[in-house]
Amino acid sequence: MYRFIIHYGIHILVPIAIGLAFYKEYRTKAILILLLGIVIDIDHLLASPIFDPDRCSINFHPLHTYWAIALYLLLLAFRKTRIIGIALLIHIFADFVDCQLIGW
């Protein structure tokens, strides 16, 4: 239960906190974009089983690979894509923390 709360707390609370703190002009839109970072979990549909609670997503699923993470970092360099990069990196951070909690 502890792992679930931390993992999904990062997925939900961190995007909301960042949206509130740094995107005051368009707070709601920013929070929604940041929360949509979770859509990269669509790549879990390629795995068998789709959900394995003891599997580390980092470098296992295609959108969670080190190459993909490098692309997400690159998105930070451009103003128009920065918020998308932040959203995706929050997701990767949540999954990284989860991997640490399972002893990866």
Foldseek 3Di string as FASTA:
>chain_A
DVLVCQLVCLLQVVLLVCLVPPVVVPSVVLSVLLNCLVVVLVQLVVDVVSDDLLDQPQCPGPCRYPVNLVVLVVLCVDPVSNSNSNSNVSNNVSSVVSNVVSPD
